[in-house]
PDB file of N, CA and C in Angstrom:
ATOM      1  N   MET A   1     226.235  14.148   1.700  1.00  0.00           N
ATOM      2  CA  MET A   1     226.303  12.705   1.523  1.00  0.00           C
ATOM      3  C   MET A   1     226.682  12.069   2.853  1.00  0.00           C
ATOM      4  N   ASP A   2     225.965  11.042   3.216  1.00  0.00           N
ATOM      5  CA  ASP A   2     226.283  10.318   4.440  1.00  0.00           C
ATOM      6  C   ASP A   2     227.589   9.562   4.271  1.00  0.00           C
ATOM      7  N   MET A   3     228.240   9.296   5.399  1.00  0.00           N
ATOM      8  CA  MET A   3     229.509   8.578   5.353  1.00  0.00           C
ATOM      9  C   MET A   3     229.302   7.123   4.930  1.00  0.00           C
ATOM     10  N   LEU A   4     228.219   6.489   5.398  1.00  0.00           N
ATOM     11  CA  LEU A   4     227.987   5.076   5.111  1.00  0.00           C
ATOM     12  C   LEU A   4     226.872   4.908   4.092  1.00  0.00           C
ATOM     13  N   GLU A   5     227.114   4.046   3.115  1.00  0.00           N
ATOM     14  CA  GLU A   5     226.128   3.762   2.082  1.00  0.00           C
ATOM     15  C   GLU A   5     226.103   2.249   1.860  1.00  0.00           C
ATOM     16  N   LEU A   6     224.958   1.646   2.094  1.00  0.00           N
ATOM     17  CA  LEU A   6     224.807   0.207   1.918  1.00  0.00           C
ATOM     18  C   LEU A   6     224.282  -0.062   0.521  1.00  0.00           C
ATOM     19  N   LYS A   7     225.045  -0.829  -0.258  1.00  0.00           N
ATOM     20  CA  LYS A   7     224.662  -1.209  -1.618  1.00  0.00           C
ATOM     21  C   LYS A   7     224.587  -2.725  -1.662  1.00  0.00           C
ATOM     22  N   GLY A   8     223.428  -3.263  -1.378  1.00  0.00           N
ATOM     23  CA  GLY A   8     223.284  -4.710  -1.289  1.00  0.00           C
ATOM     24  C   GLY A   8     224.094  -5.220  -0.117  1.00  0.00           C
ATOM     25  N   SER A   9     225.033  -6.125  -0.387  1.00  0.00           N
ATOM     26  CA  SER A   9     225.869  -6.675   0.688  1.00  0.00           C
ATOM     27  C   SER A   9     227.215  -5.947   0.795  1.00  0.00           C
ATOM     28  N   ARG A  10     227.356  -4.833   0.059  1.00  0.00           N
ATOM     29  CA  ARG A  10     228.592  -4.032   0.123  1.00  0.00           C
ATOM     30  C   ARG A  10     228.312  -2.740   0.877  1.00  0.00           C
ATOM     31  N   LEU A  11     229.170  -2.459   1.833  1.00  0.00           N
ATOM     32  CA  LEU A  11     229.108  -1.208   2.570  1.00  0.00           C
ATOM     33  C   LEU A  11     230.171  -0.280   1.999  1.00  0.00           C
ATOM     34  N   VAL A  12     229.748   0.883   1.509  1.00  0.00           N
ATOM     35  CA  VAL A  12     230.681   1.885   1.006  1.00  0.00           C
ATOM     36  C   VAL A  12     230.851   2.944   2.092  1.00  0.00           C
ATOM     37  N   VAL A  13     232.109   3.180   2.467  1.00  0.00           N
ATOM     38  CA  VAL A  13     232.434   4.174   3.482  1.00  0.00           C
ATOM     39  C   VAL A  13     233.074   5.355   2.765  1.00  0.00           C
ATOM     40  N   HIS A  14     232.352   6.478   2.711  1.00  0.00           N
ATOM     41  CA  HIS A  14     232.850   7.692   2.077  1.00  0.00           C
ATOM     42  C   HIS A  14     233.679   8.447   3.120  1.00  0.00           C
ATOM     43  N   LEU A  15     234.984   8.335   2.983  1.00  0.00           N
ATOM     44  CA  LEU A  15     235.888   8.874   3.992  1.00  0.00           C
ATOM     45  C   LEU A  15     235.966  10.394   3.913  1.00  0.00           C
ATOM     46  N   PRO A  16     236.277  11.040   5.056  1.00  0.00           N
ATOM     47  CA  PRO A  16     236.383  12.507   5.084  1.00  0.00           C
ATOM     48  C   PRO A  16     237.688  12.988   4.452  1.00  0.00           C
ATOM     49  N   GLU A  17     237.858  14.295   4.410  1.00  0.00           N
ATOM     50  CA  GLU A  17     239.053  14.899   3.822  1.00  0.00           C
ATOM     51  C   GLU A  17     240.321  14.464   4.549  1.00  0.00           C
ATOM     52  N   GLU A  18     240.240  14.321   5.860  1.00  0.00           N
ATOM     53  CA  GLU A  18     241.389  13.875   6.647  1.00  0.00           C
ATOM     54  C   GLU A  18     241.037  12.611   7.413  1.00  0.00           C
ATOM     55  N   VAL A  19     241.827  11.575   7.201  1.00  0.00           N
ATOM     56  CA  VAL A  19     241.662  10.315   7.923  1.00  0.00           C
ATOM     57  C   VAL A  19     242.847  10.235   8.873  1.00  0.00           C
ATOM     58  N   ASP A  20     242.597  10.689  10.106  1.00  0.00           N
ATOM     59  CA  ASP A  20     243.662  10.771  11.104  1.00  0.00           C
ATOM     60  C   ASP A  20     243.106  10.356  12.455  1.00  0.00           C
ATOM     61  N   HIS A  21     243.896  10.559  13.500  1.00  0.00           N
ATOM     62  CA  HIS A  21     243.467  10.105  14.826  1.00  0.00           C
ATOM     63  C   HIS A  21     242.188  10.798  15.297  1.00  0.00           C
ATOM     64  N   HIS A  22     241.834  11.936  14.724  1.00  0.00           N
ATOM     65  CA  HIS A  22     240.596  12.626  15.103  1.00  0.00           C
ATOM     66  C   HIS A  22     239.363  11.969  14.487  1.00  0.00           C
ATOM     67  N   SER A  23     239.498  11.394  13.320  1.00  0.00           N
ATOM     68  CA  SER A  23     238.331  10.856  12.617  1.00  0.00           C
ATOM     69  C   SER A  23     238.203   9.338  12.662  1.00  0.00           C
ATOM     70  N   THR A  24     239.301   8.633  12.883  1.00  0.00           N
ATOM     71  CA  THR A  24     239.252   7.175  12.737  1.00  0.00           C
ATOM     72  C   THR A  24     238.370   6.482  13.774  1.00  0.00           C
ATOM     73  N   GLU A  25     238.278   7.017  14.972  1.00  0.00           N
ATOM     74  CA  GLU A  25     237.448   6.363  15.989  1.00  0.00           C
ATOM     75  C   GLU A  25     235.976   6.380  15.583  1.00  0.00           C
ATOM     76  N   ASP A  26     235.502   7.510  15.064  1.00  0.00           N
ATOM     77  CA  ASP A  26     234.108   7.588  14.600  1.00  0.00           C
ATOM     78  C   ASP A  26     233.868   6.661  13.410  1.00  0.00           C
ATOM     79  N   ILE A  27     234.822   6.607  12.490  1.00  0.00           N
ATOM     80  CA  ILE A  27     234.698   5.725  11.329  1.00  0.00           C
ATOM     81  C   ILE A  27     234.641   4.276  11.791  1.00  0.00           C
ATOM     82  N   ARG A  28     235.572   3.896  12.657  1.00  0.00           N
ATOM     83  CA  ARG A  28     235.628   2.520  13.168  1.00  0.00           C
ATOM     84  C   ARG A  28     234.319   2.129  13.839  1.00  0.00           C
ATOM     85  N   ARG A  29     233.854   2.985  14.725  1.00  0.00           N
ATOM     86  CA  ARG A  29     232.624   2.690  15.471  1.00  0.00           C
ATOM     87  C   ARG A  29     231.430   2.560  14.523  1.00  0.00           C
ATOM     88  N   SER A  30     231.303   3.475  13.581  1.00  0.00           N
ATOM     89  CA  SER A  30     230.172   3.455  12.646  1.00  0.00           C
ATOM     90  C   SER A  30     230.178   2.196  11.784  1.00  0.00           C
ATOM     91  N   VAL A  31     231.346   1.854  11.244  1.00  0.00           N
ATOM     92  CA  VAL A  31     231.453   0.663  10.394  1.00  0.00           C
ATOM     93  C   VAL A  31     231.155  -0.598  11.207  1.00  0.00           C
ATOM     94  N   ASP A  32     231.775  -0.727  12.369  1.00  0.00           N
ATOM     95  CA  ASP A  32     231.581  -1.936  13.177  1.00  0.00           C
ATOM     96  C   ASP A  32     230.124  -2.110  13.600  1.00  0.00           C
ATOM     97  N   GLU A  33     229.458  -1.011  13.968  1.00  0.00           N
ATOM     98  CA  GLU A  33     228.057  -1.104  14.377  1.00  0.00           C
ATOM     99  C   GLU A  33     227.175  -1.571  13.218  1.00  0.00           C
ATOM    100  N   LEU A  34     227.409  -1.033  12.020  1.00  0.00           N
ATOM    101  CA  LEU A  34     226.584  -1.441  10.882  1.00  0.00           C
ATOM    102  C   LEU A  34     226.859  -2.886  10.490  1.00  0.00           C
ATOM    103  N   VAL A  35     228.116  -3.293  10.511  1.00  0.00           N
ATOM    104  CA  VAL A  35     228.479  -4.670  10.146  1.00  0.00           C
ATOM    105  C   VAL A  35     227.855  -5.669  11.120  1.00  0.00           C
ATOM    106  N   GLU A  36     227.692  -5.277  12.366  1.00  0.00           N
ATOM    107  CA  GLU A  36     227.057  -6.160  13.351  1.00  0.00           C
ATOM    108  C   GLU A  36     225.567  -6.315  13.082  1.00  0.00           C
ATOM    109  N   ARG A  37     224.932  -5.272  12.526  1.00  0.00           N
ATOM    110  CA  ARG A  37     223.474  -5.282  12.318  1.00  0.00           C
ATOM    111  C   ARG A  37     223.049  -5.775  10.941  1.00  0.00           C
ATOM    112  N   GLN A  38     223.904  -5.634   9.937  1.00  0.00           N
ATOM    113  CA  GLN A  38     223.544  -5.933   8.559  1.00  0.00           C
ATOM    114  C   GLN A  38     224.439  -7.046   8.004  1.00  0.00           C
ATOM    115  N   PRO A  39     223.918  -7.826   7.058  1.00  0.00           N
ATOM    116  CA  PRO A  39     224.760  -8.834   6.400  1.00  0.00           C
ATOM    117  C   PRO A  39     225.663  -8.171   5.344  1.00  0.00           C
ATOM    118  N   VAL A  40     226.871  -7.822   5.742  1.00  0.00           N
ATOM    119  CA  VAL A  40     227.816  -7.150   4.854  1.00  0.00           C
ATOM    120  C   VAL A  40     228.908  -8.148   4.469  1.00  0.00           C
ATOM    121  N   GLU A  41     229.139  -8.296   3.161  1.00  0.00           N
ATOM    122  CA  GLU A  41     230.179  -9.202   2.671  1.00  0.00           C
ATOM    123  C   GLU A  41     231.471  -8.468   2.345  1.00  0.00           C
ATOM    124  N   GLU A  42     231.352  -7.182   2.007  1.00  0.00           N
ATOM    125  CA  GLU A  42     232.539  -6.417   1.635  1.00  0.00           C
ATOM    126  C   GLU A  42     232.370  -4.970   2.082  1.00  0.00           C
ATOM    127  N   VAL A  43     233.471  -4.381   2.548  1.00  0.00           N
ATOM    128  CA  VAL A  43     233.486  -2.970   2.912  1.00  0.00           C
ATOM    129  C   VAL A  43     234.433  -2.268   1.941  1.00  0.00           C
ATOM    130  N   GLU A  44     233.918  -1.250   1.279  1.00  0.00           N
ATOM    131  CA  GLU A  44     234.714  -0.445   0.352  1.00  0.00           C
ATOM    132  C   GLU A  44     234.974   0.916   0.991  1.00  0.00           C
ATOM    133  N   PHE A  45     236.241   1.269   1.130  1.00  0.00           N
ATOM    134  CA  PHE A  45     236.613   2.570   1.656  1.00  0.00           C
ATOM    135  C   PHE A  45     236.891   3.489   0.474  1.00  0.00           C
ATOM    136  N   ASP A  46     236.026   4.470   0.297  1.00  0.00           N
ATOM    137  CA  ASP A  46     236.098   5.401  -0.831  1.00  0.00           C
ATOM    138  C   ASP A  46     236.905   6.635  -0.403  1.00  0.00           C
ATOM    139  N   PHE A  47     238.064   6.806  -1.029  1.00  0.00           N
ATOM    140  CA  PHE A  47     238.976   7.902  -0.701  1.00  0.00           C
ATOM    141  C   PHE A  47     238.803   9.105  -1.620  1.00  0.00           C
ATOM    142  N   SER A  48     237.714   9.214  -2.343  1.00  0.00           N
ATOM    143  CA  SER A  48     237.566  10.287  -3.331  1.00  0.00           C
ATOM    144  C   SER A  48     237.610  11.681  -2.707  1.00  0.00           C
ATOM    145  N   ARG A  49     237.228  11.831  -1.447  1.00  0.00           N
ATOM    146  CA  ARG A  49     237.255  13.146  -0.783  1.00  0.00           C
ATOM    147  C   ARG A  49     238.476  13.314   0.109  1.00  0.00           C
ATOM    148  N   THR A  50     239.329  12.301   0.208  1.00  0.00           N
ATOM    149  CA  THR A  50     240.416  12.298   1.179  1.00  0.00           C
ATOM    150  C   THR A  50     241.698  12.889   0.597  1.00  0.00           C
ATOM    151  N   ALA A  51     242.257  13.854   1.305  1.00  0.00           N
ATOM    152  CA  ALA A  51     243.516  14.483   0.898  1.00  0.00           C
ATOM    153  C   ALA A  51     244.670  14.099   1.816  1.00  0.00           C
ATOM    154  N   PHE A  52     244.357  13.600   3.031  1.00  0.00           N
ATOM    155  CA  PHE A  52     245.398  13.293   4.009  1.00  0.00           C
ATOM    156  C   PHE A  52     245.015  12.049   4.794  1.00  0.00           C
ATOM    157  N   MET A  53     245.998  11.186   5.038  1.00  0.00           N
ATOM    158  CA  MET A  53     245.805  10.037   5.905  1.00  0.00           C
ATOM    159  C   MET A  53     247.107   9.782   6.656  1.00  0.00           C
ATOM    160  N   ASP A  54     246.995   9.464   7.944  1.00  0.00           N
ATOM    161  CA  ASP A  54     248.188   9.139   8.728  1.00  0.00           C
ATOM    162  C   ASP A  54     248.110   7.688   9.201  1.00  0.00           C
ATOM    163  N   SER A  55     249.004   7.330  10.110  1.00  0.00           N
ATOM    164  CA  SER A  55     249.091   5.939  10.565  1.00  0.00           C
ATOM    165  C   SER A  55     247.812   5.473  11.267  1.00  0.00           C
ATOM    166  N   ALA A  56     247.053   6.387  11.837  1.00  0.00           N
ATOM    167  CA  ALA A  56     245.777   5.997  12.457  1.00  0.00           C
ATOM    168  C   ALA A  56     244.822   5.455  11.396  1.00  0.00           C
ATOM    169  N   GLY A  57     244.887   6.007  10.194  1.00  0.00           N
ATOM    170  CA  GLY A  57     244.063   5.506   9.096  1.00  0.00           C
ATOM    171  C   GLY A  57     244.462   4.101   8.690  1.00  0.00           C
ATOM    172  N   ILE A  58     245.766   3.844   8.649  1.00  0.00           N
ATOM    173  CA  ILE A  58     246.265   2.496   8.345  1.00  0.00           C
ATOM    174  C   ILE A  58     245.758   1.517   9.399  1.00  0.00           C
ATOM    175  N   GLY A  59     245.858   1.901  10.655  1.00  0.00           N
ATOM    176  CA  GLY A  59     245.382   1.045  11.741  1.00  0.00           C
ATOM    177  C   GLY A  59     243.895   0.769  11.650  1.00  0.00           C
ATOM    178  N   MET A  60     243.123   1.794  11.299  1.00  0.00           N
ATOM    179  CA  MET A  60     241.681   1.626  11.160  1.00  0.00           C
ATOM    180  C   MET A  60     241.366   0.650  10.038  1.00  0.00           C
ATOM    181  N   LEU A  61     242.066   0.767   8.896  1.00  0.00           N
ATOM    182  CA  LEU A  61     241.851  -0.157   7.786  1.00  0.00           C
ATOM    183  C   LEU A  61     242.212  -1.588   8.161  1.00  0.00           C
ATOM    184  N   LEU A  62     243.348  -1.764   8.826  1.00  0.00           N
ATOM    185  CA  LEU A  62     243.750  -3.117   9.236  1.00  0.00           C
ATOM    186  C   LEU A  62     242.767  -3.715  10.234  1.00  0.00           C
ATOM    187  N   GLY A  63     242.272  -2.901  11.134  1.00  0.00           N
ATOM    188  CA  GLY A  63     241.277  -3.381  12.099  1.00  0.00           C
ATOM    189  C   GLY A  63     240.002  -3.837  11.420  1.00  0.00           C
ATOM    190  N   ARG A  64     239.536  -3.078  10.413  1.00  0.00           N
ATOM    191  CA  ARG A  64     238.330  -3.471   9.686  1.00  0.00           C
ATOM    192  C   ARG A  64     238.599  -4.708   8.839  1.00  0.00           C
ATOM    193  N   TYR A  65     239.823  -4.855   8.336  1.00  0.00           N
ATOM    194  CA  TYR A  65     240.190  -6.073   7.608  1.00  0.00           C
ATOM    195  C   TYR A  65     240.038  -7.286   8.521  1.00  0.00           C
ATOM    196  N   LYS A  66     240.517  -7.180   9.752  1.00  0.00           N
ATOM    197  CA  LYS A  66     240.421  -8.302  10.692  1.00  0.00           C
ATOM    198  C   LYS A  66     238.971  -8.627  11.021  1.00  0.00           C
ATOM    199  N   VAL A  67     238.149  -7.592  11.204  1.00  0.00           N
ATOM    200  CA  VAL A  67     236.728  -7.811  11.489  1.00  0.00           C
ATOM    201  C   VAL A  67     236.065  -8.533  10.323  1.00  0.00           C
ATOM    202  N   MET A  68     236.295  -8.040   9.106  1.00  0.00           N
ATOM    203  CA  MET A  68     235.645  -8.645   7.940  1.00  0.00           C
ATOM    204  C   MET A  68     236.189 -10.033   7.652  1.00  0.00           C
ATOM    205  N   ARG A  69     237.443 -10.249   7.884  1.00  0.00           N
ATOM    206  CA  ARG A  69     238.023 -11.583   7.689  1.00  0.00           C
ATOM    207  C   ARG A  69     237.361 -12.585   8.631  1.00  0.00           C
ATOM    208  N   ALA A  70     237.124 -12.179   9.880  1.00  0.00           N
ATOM    209  CA  ALA A  70     236.455 -13.053  10.843  1.00  0.00           C
ATOM    210  C   ALA A  70     235.033 -13.385  10.399  1.00  0.00           C
ATOM    211  N   LEU A  71     234.432 -12.496   9.602  1.00  0.00           N
ATOM    212  CA  LEU A  71     233.075 -12.708   9.095  1.00  0.00           C
ATOM    213  C   LEU A  71     233.074 -13.305   7.687  1.00  0.00           C
ATOM    214  N   ASN A  72     234.247 -13.779   7.239  1.00  0.00           N
ATOM    215  CA  ASN A  72     234.415 -14.330   5.884  1.00  0.00           C
ATOM    216  C   ASN A  72     234.104 -13.304   4.796  1.00  0.00           C
ATOM    217  N   GLY A  73     234.397 -12.052   5.090  1.00  0.00           N
ATOM    218  CA  GLY A  73     234.196 -10.984   4.122  1.00  0.00           C
ATOM    219  C   GLY A  73     235.529 -10.359   3.750  1.00  0.00           C
ATOM    220  N   GLY A  74     235.467  -9.225   3.101  1.00  0.00           N
ATOM    221  CA  GLY A  74     236.693  -8.557   2.685  1.00  0.00           C
ATOM    222  C   GLY A  74     236.526  -7.058   2.664  1.00  0.00           C
ATOM    223  N   ILE A  75     237.635  -6.377   2.427  1.00  0.00           N
ATOM    224  CA  ILE A  75     237.579  -4.932   2.266  1.00  0.00           C
ATOM    225  C   ILE A  75     238.396  -4.533   1.042  1.00  0.00           C
ATOM    226  N   MET A  76     238.088  -3.354   0.533  1.00  0.00           N
ATOM    227  CA  MET A  76     238.831  -2.799  -0.586  1.00  0.00           C
ATOM    228  C   MET A  76     238.868  -1.285  -0.439  1.00  0.00           C
ATOM    229  N   VAL A  77     239.792  -0.665  -1.140  1.00  0.00           N
ATOM    230  CA  VAL A  77     239.862   0.789  -1.170  1.00  0.00           C
ATOM    231  C   VAL A  77     239.644   1.241  -2.607  1.00  0.00           C
ATOM    232  N   SER A  78     239.033   2.405  -2.774  1.00  0.00           N
ATOM    233  CA  SER A  78     238.773   2.925  -4.112  1.00  0.00           C
ATOM    234  C   SER A  78     239.041   4.421  -4.147  1.00  0.00           C
ATOM    235  N   HIS A  79     239.232   4.921  -5.362  1.00  0.00           N
ATOM    236  CA  HIS A  79     239.432   6.346  -5.621  1.00  0.00           C
ATOM    237  C   HIS A  79     240.588   6.923  -4.807  1.00  0.00           C
ATOM    238  N   ILE A  80     241.705   6.209  -4.798  1.00  0.00           N
ATOM    239  CA  ILE A  80     242.870   6.696  -4.053  1.00  0.00           C
ATOM    240  C   ILE A  80     243.770   7.497  -4.992  1.00  0.00           C
ATOM    241  N   ASP A  81     244.234   8.635  -4.486  1.00  0.00           N
ATOM    242  CA  ASP A  81     245.148   9.442  -5.285  1.00  0.00           C
ATOM    243  C   ASP A  81     246.575   8.946  -5.093  1.00  0.00           C
ATOM    244  N   ARG A  82     247.514   9.568  -5.761  1.00  0.00           N
ATOM    245  CA  ARG A  82     248.910   9.127  -5.737  1.00  0.00           C
ATOM    246  C   ARG A  82     249.497   9.139  -4.316  1.00  0.00           C
ATOM    247  N   GLN A  83     249.192  10.173  -3.555  1.00  0.00           N
ATOM    248  CA  GLN A  83     249.745  10.279  -2.202  1.00  0.00           C
ATOM    249  C   GLN A  83     249.203   9.179  -1.282  1.00  0.00           C
ATOM    250  N   ILE A  84     247.908   8.959  -1.325  1.00  0.00           N
ATOM    251  CA  ILE A  84     247.304   7.905  -0.488  1.00  0.00           C
ATOM    252  C   ILE A  84     247.810   6.535  -0.936  1.00  0.00           C
ATOM    253  N   ARG A  85     247.910   6.318  -2.247  1.00  0.00           N
ATOM    254  CA  ARG A  85     248.437   5.045  -2.755  1.00  0.00           C
ATOM    255  C   ARG A  85     249.853   4.808  -2.225  1.00  0.00           C
ATOM    256  N   ARG A  86     250.669   5.855  -2.224  1.00  0.00           N
ATOM    257  CA  ARG A  86     252.043   5.738  -1.734  1.00  0.00           C
ATOM    258  C   ARG A  86     252.063   5.350  -0.247  1.00  0.00           C
ATOM    259  N   ILE A  87     251.220   5.989   0.539  1.00  0.00           N
ATOM    260  CA  ILE A  87     251.139   5.671   1.975  1.00  0.00           C
ATOM    261  C   ILE A  87     250.703   4.228   2.176  1.00  0.00           C
ATOM    262  N   LEU A  88     249.687   3.803   1.435  1.00  0.00           N
ATOM    263  CA  LEU A  88     249.204   2.426   1.559  1.00  0.00           C
ATOM    264  C   LEU A  88     250.266   1.427   1.112  1.00  0.00           C
ATOM    265  N   SER A  89     250.960   1.739   0.027  1.00  0.00           N
ATOM    266  CA  SER A  89     252.011   0.840  -0.469  1.00  0.00           C
ATOM    267  C   SER A  89     253.161   0.731   0.523  1.00  0.00           C
ATOM    268  N   MET A  90     253.570   1.858   1.092  1.00  0.00           N
ATOM    269  CA  MET A  90     254.673   1.841   2.060  1.00  0.00           C
ATOM    270  C   MET A  90     254.312   1.033   3.301  1.00  0.00           C
ATOM    271  N   SER A  91     253.039   1.006   3.644  1.00  0.00           N
ATOM    272  CA  SER A  91     252.612   0.269   4.833  1.00  0.00           C
ATOM    273  C   SER A  91     252.569  -1.242   4.587  1.00  0.00           C
ATOM    274  N   GLY A  92     252.553  -1.654   3.313  1.00  0.00           N
ATOM    275  CA  GLY A  92     252.443  -3.068   2.991  1.00  0.00           C
ATOM    276  C   GLY A  92     251.019  -3.594   3.038  1.00  0.00           C
ATOM    277  N   ILE A  93     250.079  -2.706   3.196  1.00  0.00           N
ATOM    278  CA  ILE A  93     248.683  -3.103   3.372  1.00  0.00           C
ATOM    279  C   ILE A  93     248.089  -3.750   2.116  1.00  0.00           C
ATOM    280  N   GLN A  94     248.685  -3.507   0.950  1.00  0.00           N
ATOM    281  CA  GLN A  94     248.150  -4.085  -0.285  1.00  0.00           C
ATOM    282  C   GLN A  94     248.217  -5.607  -0.271  1.00  0.00           C
ATOM    283  N   LYS A  95     248.979  -6.188   0.648  1.00  0.00           N
ATOM    284  CA  LYS A  95     249.010  -7.647   0.779  1.00  0.00           C
ATOM    285  C   LYS A  95     247.662  -8.187   1.287  1.00  0.00           C
ATOM    286  N   PHE A  96     246.929  -7.329   1.979  1.00  0.00           N
ATOM    287  CA  PHE A  96     245.676  -7.736   2.615  1.00  0.00           C
ATOM    288  C   PHE A  96     244.450  -7.121   1.968  1.00  0.00           C
ATOM    289  N   ILE A  97     244.633  -5.930   1.399  1.00  0.00           N
ATOM    290  CA  ILE A  97     243.484  -5.160   0.960  1.00  0.00           C
ATOM    291  C   ILE A  97     243.558  -4.907  -0.535  1.00  0.00           C
ATOM    292  N   GLN A  98     242.451  -5.156  -1.224  1.00  0.00           N
ATOM    293  CA  GLN A  98     242.380  -4.933  -2.659  1.00  0.00           C
ATOM    294  C   GLN A  98     242.402  -3.434  -2.936  1.00  0.00           C
ATOM    295  N   MET A  99     243.318  -3.023  -3.829  1.00  0.00           N
ATOM    296  CA  MET A  99     243.439  -1.615  -4.168  1.00  0.00           C
ATOM    297  C   MET A  99     243.000  -1.408  -5.608  1.00  0.00           C
TER     298      MET A  99
END
């Protein structure tokens, strides 16, 4: 399965098993390039395959939130397990991102 899936005006990002400083740069670059080329209203980050995320993942999500906000769009996260939900909640990111 490819990482990026365009469903109408929603971009679904199927995240890898680990969302850390090794993977976030590729994710960021891929999402930003597609958003520049396609009319995307919402970016959904699908955590169904993700078992680990660190602060680099939080930064990547916040950065994409800022990009989409500038484009009058939004982002959301889906299929988050208890551990990822806890990390996101502790970061306070739920104030900005639909969970």
